[in-house]
Amino acid sequence: MTTIQIFDPALCCSSGVCGTDVDQNLVNFSADADWARQNGVQLERFNLAQQPMAFAENAPVKAFLERAGQEALPLTLVDGQVVLAGRYPSRADLARWAGLAVPAAAPSASSLAISGPGSLPASVSPNRSCNWLARMITPMPAVKPTVTG
């Protein structure tokens, strides 16, 4: 079985999806990692702030940090080999490395991600030229009731 290891930069919690200013990339990756685990992938994450020895004791990770520094994290290993650095793997990356198929019709995590209560999905931009958001929140003119009789 393939083992995928993600070496995260120093995060406030194990997933990095906490606090008030959440990085959308972490939200997307957390959803994709959950999807991979639900499909039988052995996926491990290591947080530099909480598990520094995991970084120091892994030769490829230690060598990477000595060359590139912690600013170049996250780092992804598949079966002990470096396969990706500087960004989190996508669902397609995880599927390819694990030998899984990604359903073509399945929505990506980024299209479903929501950044907070009352916010819009990440795939919706309120700054489009059609200004649809302004139209949605513009009050309708009052209609005078008609009195019959």
N, C-alpha and C. Protein backbone atom coordinates (compact mmCIF):
# COMPACT_ATOMS: atom_id res chain seq x y z
N MET A 1 0.84 -1.19 0.00
CA MET A 1 0.00 0.00 0.00
C MET A 1 0.88 1.25 0.00
N THR A 2 0.49 2.22 -0.77
CA THR A 2 1.20 3.49 -0.86
C THR A 2 0.99 4.31 0.40
N THR A 3 2.07 4.93 0.87
CA THR A 3 1.99 5.83 2.01
C THR A 3 2.32 7.24 1.55
N ILE A 4 1.41 8.16 1.83
CA ILE A 4 1.60 9.57 1.49
C ILE A 4 1.81 10.33 2.79
N GLN A 5 2.90 11.09 2.85
CA GLN A 5 3.21 11.88 4.03
C GLN A 5 3.29 13.35 3.64
N ILE A 6 2.62 14.18 4.42
CA ILE A 6 2.62 15.62 4.21
C ILE A 6 3.33 16.26 5.40
N PHE A 7 4.37 17.03 5.12
CA PHE A 7 5.10 17.75 6.15
C PHE A 7 4.71 19.22 6.05
N ASP A 8 3.85 19.64 6.99
CA ASP A 8 3.28 20.98 7.01
C ASP A 8 4.25 21.97 7.65
N PRO A 9 4.14 23.25 7.28
CA PRO A 9 4.86 24.27 8.06
C PRO A 9 4.25 24.35 9.45
N ALA A 10 4.79 25.19 10.29
CA ALA A 10 4.25 25.36 11.64
C ALA A 10 2.83 25.90 11.55
N LEU A 11 1.87 25.12 12.05
CA LEU A 11 0.45 25.49 12.04
C LEU A 11 -0.05 25.57 13.47
N CYS A 12 -1.13 26.32 13.67
CA CYS A 12 -1.68 26.51 15.01
C CYS A 12 -2.31 25.24 15.58
N CYS A 13 -2.76 24.34 14.69
CA CYS A 13 -3.36 23.08 15.13
C CYS A 13 -2.99 22.00 14.13
N SER A 14 -3.42 20.79 14.36
CA SER A 14 -3.00 19.67 13.51
C SER A 14 -3.41 19.81 12.06
N SER A 15 -4.56 20.44 11.80
CA SER A 15 -5.02 20.58 10.41
C SER A 15 -4.71 21.95 9.83
N GLY A 16 -4.50 22.94 10.68
CA GLY A 16 -4.31 24.31 10.22
C GLY A 16 -5.61 25.02 9.92
N VAL A 17 -6.73 24.30 10.06
CA VAL A 17 -8.05 24.88 9.77
C VAL A 17 -8.66 25.31 11.10
N CYS A 18 -8.15 26.42 11.62
CA CYS A 18 -8.63 26.93 12.90
C CYS A 18 -8.37 28.43 12.94
N GLY A 19 -8.88 29.08 13.94
CA GLY A 19 -8.69 30.51 14.06
C GLY A 19 -9.65 31.29 13.17
N THR A 20 -9.42 32.58 13.09
CA THR A 20 -10.32 33.44 12.33
C THR A 20 -9.85 33.70 10.91
N ASP A 21 -8.56 33.53 10.64
CA ASP A 21 -8.01 33.81 9.31
C ASP A 21 -7.51 32.50 8.70
N VAL A 22 -8.43 31.67 8.23
CA VAL A 22 -8.10 30.34 7.72
C VAL A 22 -7.65 30.43 6.27
N ASP A 23 -6.55 29.75 5.96
CA ASP A 23 -6.03 29.69 4.60
C ASP A 23 -6.91 28.74 3.78
N GLN A 24 -7.48 29.23 2.70
CA GLN A 24 -8.38 28.42 1.87
C GLN A 24 -7.68 27.18 1.32
N ASN A 25 -6.37 27.27 1.06
CA ASN A 25 -5.63 26.10 0.58
C ASN A 25 -5.64 24.98 1.61
N LEU A 26 -5.57 25.34 2.89
CA LEU A 26 -5.63 24.33 3.95
C LEU A 26 -7.02 23.71 4.05
N VAL A 27 -8.05 24.51 3.87
CA VAL A 27 -9.42 23.99 3.88
C VAL A 27 -9.59 22.98 2.75
N ASN A 28 -9.15 23.37 1.56
CA ASN A 28 -9.26 22.48 0.40
C ASN A 28 -8.48 21.20 0.61
N PHE A 29 -7.22 21.35 1.08
CA PHE A 29 -6.41 20.15 1.27
C PHE A 29 -6.98 19.25 2.36
N SER A 30 -7.48 19.82 3.43
CA SER A 30 -8.07 18.99 4.50
C SER A 30 -9.23 18.16 3.97
N ALA A 31 -10.06 18.76 3.12
CA ALA A 31 -11.17 18.02 2.51
C ALA A 31 -10.64 16.92 1.59
N ASP A 32 -9.62 17.24 0.81
CA ASP A 32 -9.05 16.24 -0.10
C ASP A 32 -8.36 15.12 0.66
N ALA A 33 -7.68 15.44 1.76
CA ALA A 33 -7.04 14.42 2.59
C ALA A 33 -8.09 13.50 3.22
N ASP A 34 -9.19 14.08 3.70
CA ASP A 34 -10.28 13.26 4.25
C ASP A 34 -10.84 12.33 3.17
N TRP A 35 -11.02 12.86 1.96
CA TRP A 35 -11.50 12.04 0.84
C TRP A 35 -10.55 10.87 0.59
N ALA A 36 -9.25 11.15 0.58
CA ALA A 36 -8.26 10.10 0.33
C ALA A 36 -8.32 9.03 1.42
N ARG A 37 -8.38 9.46 2.67
CA ARG A 37 -8.45 8.49 3.78
C ARG A 37 -9.72 7.64 3.69
N GLN A 38 -10.85 8.27 3.33
CA GLN A 38 -12.11 7.53 3.19
C GLN A 38 -12.04 6.51 2.06
N ASN A 39 -11.11 6.72 1.14
CA ASN A 39 -10.93 5.79 0.03
C ASN A 39 -9.75 4.85 0.26
N GLY A 40 -9.32 4.71 1.51
CA GLY A 40 -8.33 3.73 1.88
C GLY A 40 -6.88 4.14 1.75
N VAL A 41 -6.61 5.40 1.48
CA VAL A 41 -5.23 5.86 1.34
C VAL A 41 -4.61 6.04 2.72
N GLN A 42 -3.38 5.57 2.88
CA GLN A 42 -2.65 5.80 4.12
C GLN A 42 -1.97 7.16 3.99
N LEU A 43 -2.53 8.16 4.65
CA LEU A 43 -2.04 9.53 4.55
C LEU A 43 -1.73 10.04 5.95
N GLU A 44 -0.51 10.55 6.11
CA GLU A 44 -0.08 11.07 7.40
C GLU A 44 0.33 12.53 7.23
N ARG A 45 0.01 13.34 8.24
CA ARG A 45 0.44 14.74 8.24
C ARG A 45 1.29 15.00 9.47
N PHE A 46 2.32 15.82 9.27
CA PHE A 46 3.22 16.20 10.35
C PHE A 46 3.31 17.72 10.38
N ASN A 47 3.10 18.29 11.56
CA ASN A 47 3.10 19.74 11.77
C ASN A 47 4.43 20.12 12.41
N LEU A 48 5.17 21.02 11.76
CA LEU A 48 6.48 21.43 12.27
C LEU A 48 6.41 21.96 13.69
N ALA A 49 5.34 22.67 14.04
CA ALA A 49 5.21 23.24 15.38
C ALA A 49 4.95 22.18 16.44
N GLN A 50 4.26 21.10 16.07
CA GLN A 50 3.86 20.10 17.05
C GLN A 50 4.69 18.82 16.99
N GLN A 51 5.32 18.54 15.85
CA GLN A 51 6.07 17.29 15.69
C GLN A 51 7.44 17.55 15.05
N PRO A 52 8.27 18.40 15.63
CA PRO A 52 9.55 18.73 15.00
C PRO A 52 10.48 17.53 14.82
N MET A 53 10.38 16.54 15.69
CA MET A 53 11.26 15.36 15.57
C MET A 53 10.95 14.55 14.32
N ALA A 54 9.70 14.56 13.87
CA ALA A 54 9.36 13.84 12.64
C ALA A 54 10.11 14.44 11.45
N PHE A 55 10.36 15.74 11.48
CA PHE A 55 11.11 16.42 10.43
C PHE A 55 12.60 16.10 10.56
N ALA A 56 13.11 16.14 11.79
CA ALA A 56 14.54 15.93 12.03
C ALA A 56 14.96 14.48 11.78
N GLU A 57 14.05 13.53 12.02
CA GLU A 57 14.38 12.11 11.90
C GLU A 57 14.16 11.54 10.51
N ASN A 58 13.59 12.30 9.60
CA ASN A 58 13.34 11.82 8.24
C ASN A 58 14.40 12.44 7.33
N ALA A 59 15.31 11.61 6.80
CA ALA A 59 16.47 12.10 6.04
C ALA A 59 16.09 12.98 4.84
N PRO A 60 15.13 12.58 3.97
CA PRO A 60 14.80 13.45 2.85
C PRO A 60 14.20 14.79 3.30
N VAL A 61 13.42 14.77 4.37
CA VAL A 61 12.80 16.01 4.87
C VAL A 61 13.87 16.91 5.49
N LYS A 62 14.75 16.32 6.27
CA LYS A 62 15.83 17.09 6.90
C LYS A 62 16.71 17.73 5.83
N ALA A 63 17.08 16.97 4.80
CA ALA A 63 17.91 17.51 3.71
C ALA A 63 17.18 18.63 2.97
N PHE A 64 15.89 18.45 2.75
CA PHE A 64 15.09 19.48 2.08
C PHE A 64 15.09 20.78 2.90
N LEU A 65 14.86 20.66 4.19
CA LEU A 65 14.82 21.85 5.05
C LEU A 65 16.18 22.55 5.09
N GLU A 66 17.27 21.77 5.07
CA GLU A 66 18.60 22.37 5.08
C GLU A 66 18.86 23.14 3.79
N ARG A 67 18.34 22.64 2.66
CA ARG A 67 18.53 23.30 1.37
C ARG A 67 17.57 24.47 1.16
N ALA A 68 16.30 24.24 1.42
CA ALA A 68 15.26 25.20 1.03
C ALA A 68 14.69 26.00 2.20
N GLY A 69 14.80 25.51 3.41
CA GLY A 69 14.24 26.20 4.57
C GLY A 69 12.77 25.90 4.76
N GLN A 70 12.27 26.22 5.95
CA GLN A 70 10.87 25.91 6.27
C GLN A 70 9.88 26.73 5.47
N GLU A 71 10.34 27.83 4.85
CA GLU A 71 9.46 28.64 4.02
C GLU A 71 9.00 27.88 2.78
N ALA A 72 9.73 26.82 2.41
CA ALA A 72 9.40 26.04 1.21
C ALA A 72 8.40 24.92 1.49
N LEU A 73 7.99 24.76 2.75
CA LEU A 73 6.98 23.75 3.09
C LEU A 73 5.63 24.20 2.57
N PRO A 74 4.69 23.32 2.34
CA PRO A 74 4.66 21.91 2.69
C PRO A 74 5.47 21.04 1.72
N LEU A 75 5.82 19.87 2.21
CA LEU A 75 6.58 18.88 1.45
C LEU A 75 5.79 17.58 1.46
N THR A 76 5.69 16.94 0.30
CA THR A 76 4.95 15.69 0.19
C THR A 76 5.89 14.56 -0.21
N LEU A 77 5.81 13.46 0.53
CA LEU A 77 6.56 12.25 0.22
C LEU A 77 5.58 11.14 -0.11
N VAL A 78 5.91 10.34 -1.11
CA VAL A 78 5.15 9.14 -1.42
C VAL A 78 6.12 7.98 -1.31
N ASP A 79 5.82 7.07 -0.41
CA ASP A 79 6.69 5.93 -0.12
C ASP A 79 8.12 6.39 0.13
N GLY A 80 8.27 7.49 0.88
CA GLY A 80 9.58 7.97 1.28
C GLY A 80 10.30 8.84 0.27
N GLN A 81 9.72 9.06 -0.89
CA GLN A 81 10.35 9.86 -1.94
C GLN A 81 9.66 11.22 -2.07
N VAL A 82 10.44 12.28 -2.19
CA VAL A 82 9.88 13.62 -2.37
C VAL A 82 9.21 13.69 -3.73
N VAL A 83 7.93 14.08 -3.74
CA VAL A 83 7.18 14.21 -4.99
C VAL A 83 6.63 15.62 -5.22
N LEU A 84 6.55 16.42 -4.16
CA LEU A 84 5.96 17.75 -4.31
C LEU A 84 6.44 18.64 -3.17
N ALA A 85 6.72 19.90 -3.50
CA ALA A 85 7.14 20.87 -2.48
C ALA A 85 6.53 22.23 -2.80
N GLY A 86 6.25 22.98 -1.74
CA GLY A 86 5.80 24.35 -1.90
C GLY A 86 4.31 24.56 -2.02
N ARG A 87 3.55 23.49 -2.17
CA ARG A 87 2.09 23.59 -2.21
C ARG A 87 1.51 22.26 -1.74
N TYR A 88 0.23 22.30 -1.39
CA TYR A 88 -0.44 21.08 -0.99
C TYR A 88 -0.89 20.32 -2.23
N PRO A 89 -0.88 18.99 -2.15
CA PRO A 89 -1.34 18.21 -3.30
C PRO A 89 -2.84 18.37 -3.51
N SER A 90 -3.24 18.27 -4.75
CA SER A 90 -4.66 18.32 -5.10
C SER A 90 -5.27 16.93 -4.91
N ARG A 91 -6.57 16.85 -5.01
CA ARG A 91 -7.25 15.56 -4.96
C ARG A 91 -6.77 14.67 -6.11
N ALA A 92 -6.56 15.27 -7.28
CA ALA A 92 -6.06 14.51 -8.43
C ALA A 92 -4.66 13.97 -8.16
N ASP A 93 -3.80 14.77 -7.52
CA ASP A 93 -2.46 14.30 -7.15
C ASP A 93 -2.56 13.10 -6.22
N LEU A 94 -3.36 13.24 -5.16
CA LEU A 94 -3.51 12.15 -4.19
C LEU A 94 -4.04 10.89 -4.86
N ALA A 95 -5.02 11.05 -5.72
CA ALA A 95 -5.61 9.90 -6.42
C ALA A 95 -4.57 9.22 -7.30
N ARG A 96 -3.81 10.02 -8.05
CA ARG A 96 -2.80 9.45 -8.95
C ARG A 96 -1.75 8.66 -8.16
N TRP A 97 -1.24 9.23 -7.07
CA TRP A 97 -0.21 8.55 -6.29
C TRP A 97 -0.74 7.29 -5.63
N ALA A 98 -2.02 7.28 -5.28
CA ALA A 98 -2.61 6.12 -4.59
C ALA A 98 -3.24 5.13 -5.56
N GLY A 99 -3.28 5.46 -6.84
CA GLY A 99 -3.89 4.57 -7.82
C GLY A 99 -5.40 4.58 -7.77
N LEU A 100 -5.99 5.69 -7.37
CA LEU A 100 -7.44 5.83 -7.31
C LEU A 100 -7.94 6.64 -8.50
N ALA A 101 -9.18 6.43 -8.84
CA ALA A 101 -9.82 7.23 -9.87
C ALA A 101 -10.59 8.36 -9.20
N VAL A 102 -10.53 9.53 -9.79
CA VAL A 102 -11.32 10.66 -9.29
C VAL A 102 -12.53 10.76 -10.19
N PRO A 103 -13.75 10.65 -9.64
CA PRO A 103 -14.95 10.78 -10.47
C PRO A 103 -14.95 12.13 -11.20
N ALA A 104 -15.17 12.08 -12.50
CA ALA A 104 -15.13 13.30 -13.32
C ALA A 104 -16.18 14.31 -12.88
N ALA A 105 -17.34 13.83 -12.44
CA ALA A 105 -18.43 14.73 -12.07
C ALA A 105 -18.34 15.22 -10.63
N ALA A 106 -17.39 14.68 -9.87
CA ALA A 106 -17.30 15.06 -8.46
C ALA A 106 -16.82 16.50 -8.34
N PRO A 107 -17.48 17.30 -7.51
CA PRO A 107 -17.03 18.67 -7.32
C PRO A 107 -15.72 18.68 -6.54
N SER A 108 -14.87 19.62 -6.85
CA SER A 108 -13.62 19.74 -6.11
C SER A 108 -13.90 20.39 -4.77
N ALA A 109 -12.96 20.22 -3.85
CA ALA A 109 -13.12 20.82 -2.53
C ALA A 109 -13.18 22.33 -2.62
N SER A 110 -12.41 22.91 -3.55
CA SER A 110 -12.40 24.37 -3.63
C SER A 110 -13.73 24.93 -4.11
N SER A 111 -14.47 24.16 -4.91
CA SER A 111 -15.76 24.67 -5.36
C SER A 111 -16.82 24.58 -4.28
N LEU A 112 -16.57 23.77 -3.26
CA LEU A 112 -17.54 23.62 -2.18
C LEU A 112 -17.13 24.35 -0.91
N ALA A 113 -15.88 24.79 -0.86
CA ALA A 113 -15.36 25.36 0.38
C ALA A 113 -16.03 26.69 0.69
N ILE A 114 -16.27 26.87 1.97
CA ILE A 114 -16.85 28.11 2.45
C ILE A 114 -15.92 28.65 3.52
N SER A 115 -15.63 29.92 3.45
CA SER A 115 -14.61 30.46 4.34
C SER A 115 -15.13 30.91 5.69
N GLY A 116 -16.40 30.89 5.91
CA GLY A 116 -16.90 31.26 7.23
C GLY A 116 -18.40 31.43 7.20
N PRO A 117 -19.00 31.62 8.37
CA PRO A 117 -20.45 31.77 8.44
C PRO A 117 -20.91 32.95 7.59
N GLY A 118 -21.91 32.70 6.76
CA GLY A 118 -22.47 33.76 5.94
C GLY A 118 -21.63 34.16 4.76
N SER A 119 -20.58 33.39 4.46
CA SER A 119 -19.73 33.76 3.34
C SER A 119 -20.10 32.98 2.10
N LEU A 120 -19.52 33.39 0.99
CA LEU A 120 -19.80 32.76 -0.29
C LEU A 120 -18.85 31.61 -0.54
N PRO A 121 -19.24 30.62 -1.33
CA PRO A 121 -18.29 29.58 -1.71
C PRO A 121 -17.09 30.22 -2.41
N ALA A 122 -15.92 29.57 -2.27
CA ALA A 122 -14.70 30.12 -2.84
C ALA A 122 -14.79 30.29 -4.34
N SER A 123 -15.62 29.49 -5.01
CA SER A 123 -15.71 29.57 -6.46
C SER A 123 -16.56 30.74 -6.93
N VAL A 124 -17.20 31.45 -6.02
CA VAL A 124 -18.06 32.58 -6.39
C VAL A 124 -17.34 33.87 -6.04
N SER A 125 -17.18 34.71 -7.01
CA SER A 125 -16.51 35.99 -6.78
C SER A 125 -17.52 37.12 -6.82
N PRO A 126 -17.67 37.88 -5.74
CA PRO A 126 -18.63 38.97 -5.74
C PRO A 126 -18.14 40.18 -6.54
N ASN A 127 -16.93 40.14 -7.07
CA ASN A 127 -16.38 41.27 -7.80
C ASN A 127 -16.55 41.15 -9.30
N ARG A 128 -17.45 40.34 -9.76
CA ARG A 128 -17.67 40.21 -11.20
C ARG A 128 -18.32 41.47 -11.74
N SER A 129 -18.13 41.70 -13.05
CA SER A 129 -18.62 42.94 -13.66
C SER A 129 -20.14 43.03 -13.64
N CYS A 130 -20.83 41.90 -13.57
CA CYS A 130 -22.29 41.96 -13.58
C CYS A 130 -22.85 42.47 -12.26
N ASN A 131 -22.01 42.53 -11.24
CA ASN A 131 -22.41 43.07 -9.94
C ASN A 131 -23.67 42.39 -9.40
N TRP A 132 -23.70 41.07 -9.53
CA TRP A 132 -24.87 40.30 -9.11
C TRP A 132 -25.12 40.40 -7.61
N LEU A 133 -24.07 40.54 -6.82
CA LEU A 133 -24.26 40.61 -5.37
C LEU A 133 -25.01 41.88 -4.99
N ALA A 134 -24.66 42.99 -5.62
CA ALA A 134 -25.35 44.24 -5.32
C ALA A 134 -26.82 44.14 -5.67
N ARG A 135 -27.13 43.46 -6.78
CA ARG A 135 -28.53 43.30 -7.16
C ARG A 135 -29.27 42.43 -6.15
N MET A 136 -28.58 41.46 -5.58
CA MET A 136 -29.25 40.57 -4.62
C MET A 136 -29.61 41.30 -3.33
N ILE A 137 -28.78 42.25 -2.94
CA ILE A 137 -29.03 42.90 -1.65
C ILE A 137 -29.71 44.26 -1.79
N THR A 138 -29.98 44.69 -3.02
CA THR A 138 -30.70 45.94 -3.23
C THR A 138 -32.17 45.72 -2.91
N PRO A 139 -32.74 46.54 -2.04
CA PRO A 139 -34.14 46.32 -1.68
C PRO A 139 -35.07 46.56 -2.88
N MET A 140 -36.12 45.80 -2.90
CA MET A 140 -37.14 45.95 -3.94
C MET A 140 -38.01 47.15 -3.57
N PRO A 141 -38.51 47.88 -4.58
CA PRO A 141 -39.41 49.00 -4.26
C PRO A 141 -40.70 48.48 -3.62
N ALA A 142 -41.21 49.26 -2.71
CA ALA A 142 -42.45 48.87 -2.04
C ALA A 142 -43.61 48.92 -3.02
N VAL A 143 -44.51 48.00 -2.87
CA VAL A 143 -45.70 47.95 -3.72
C VAL A 143 -46.88 48.37 -2.85
N LYS A 144 -47.64 49.34 -3.37
CA LYS A 144 -48.82 49.79 -2.62
C LYS A 144 -49.91 48.74 -2.76
N PRO A 145 -50.51 48.39 -1.65
CA PRO A 145 -51.58 47.41 -1.74
C PRO A 145 -52.80 48.02 -2.43
N THR A 146 -53.45 47.21 -3.17
CA THR A 146 -54.68 47.68 -3.82
C THR A 146 -55.86 47.32 -2.95
N VAL A 147 -56.74 48.28 -2.81
CA VAL A 147 -57.93 48.07 -1.98
C VAL A 147 -59.11 47.93 -2.92
N THR A 148 -59.81 46.85 -2.76
CA THR A 148 -61.00 46.64 -3.59
C THR A 148 -62.24 46.80 -2.72
N GLY A 149 -63.25 47.27 -3.34
CA GLY A 149 -64.45 47.21 -2.59
C GLY A 149 -65.25 48.35 -2.42
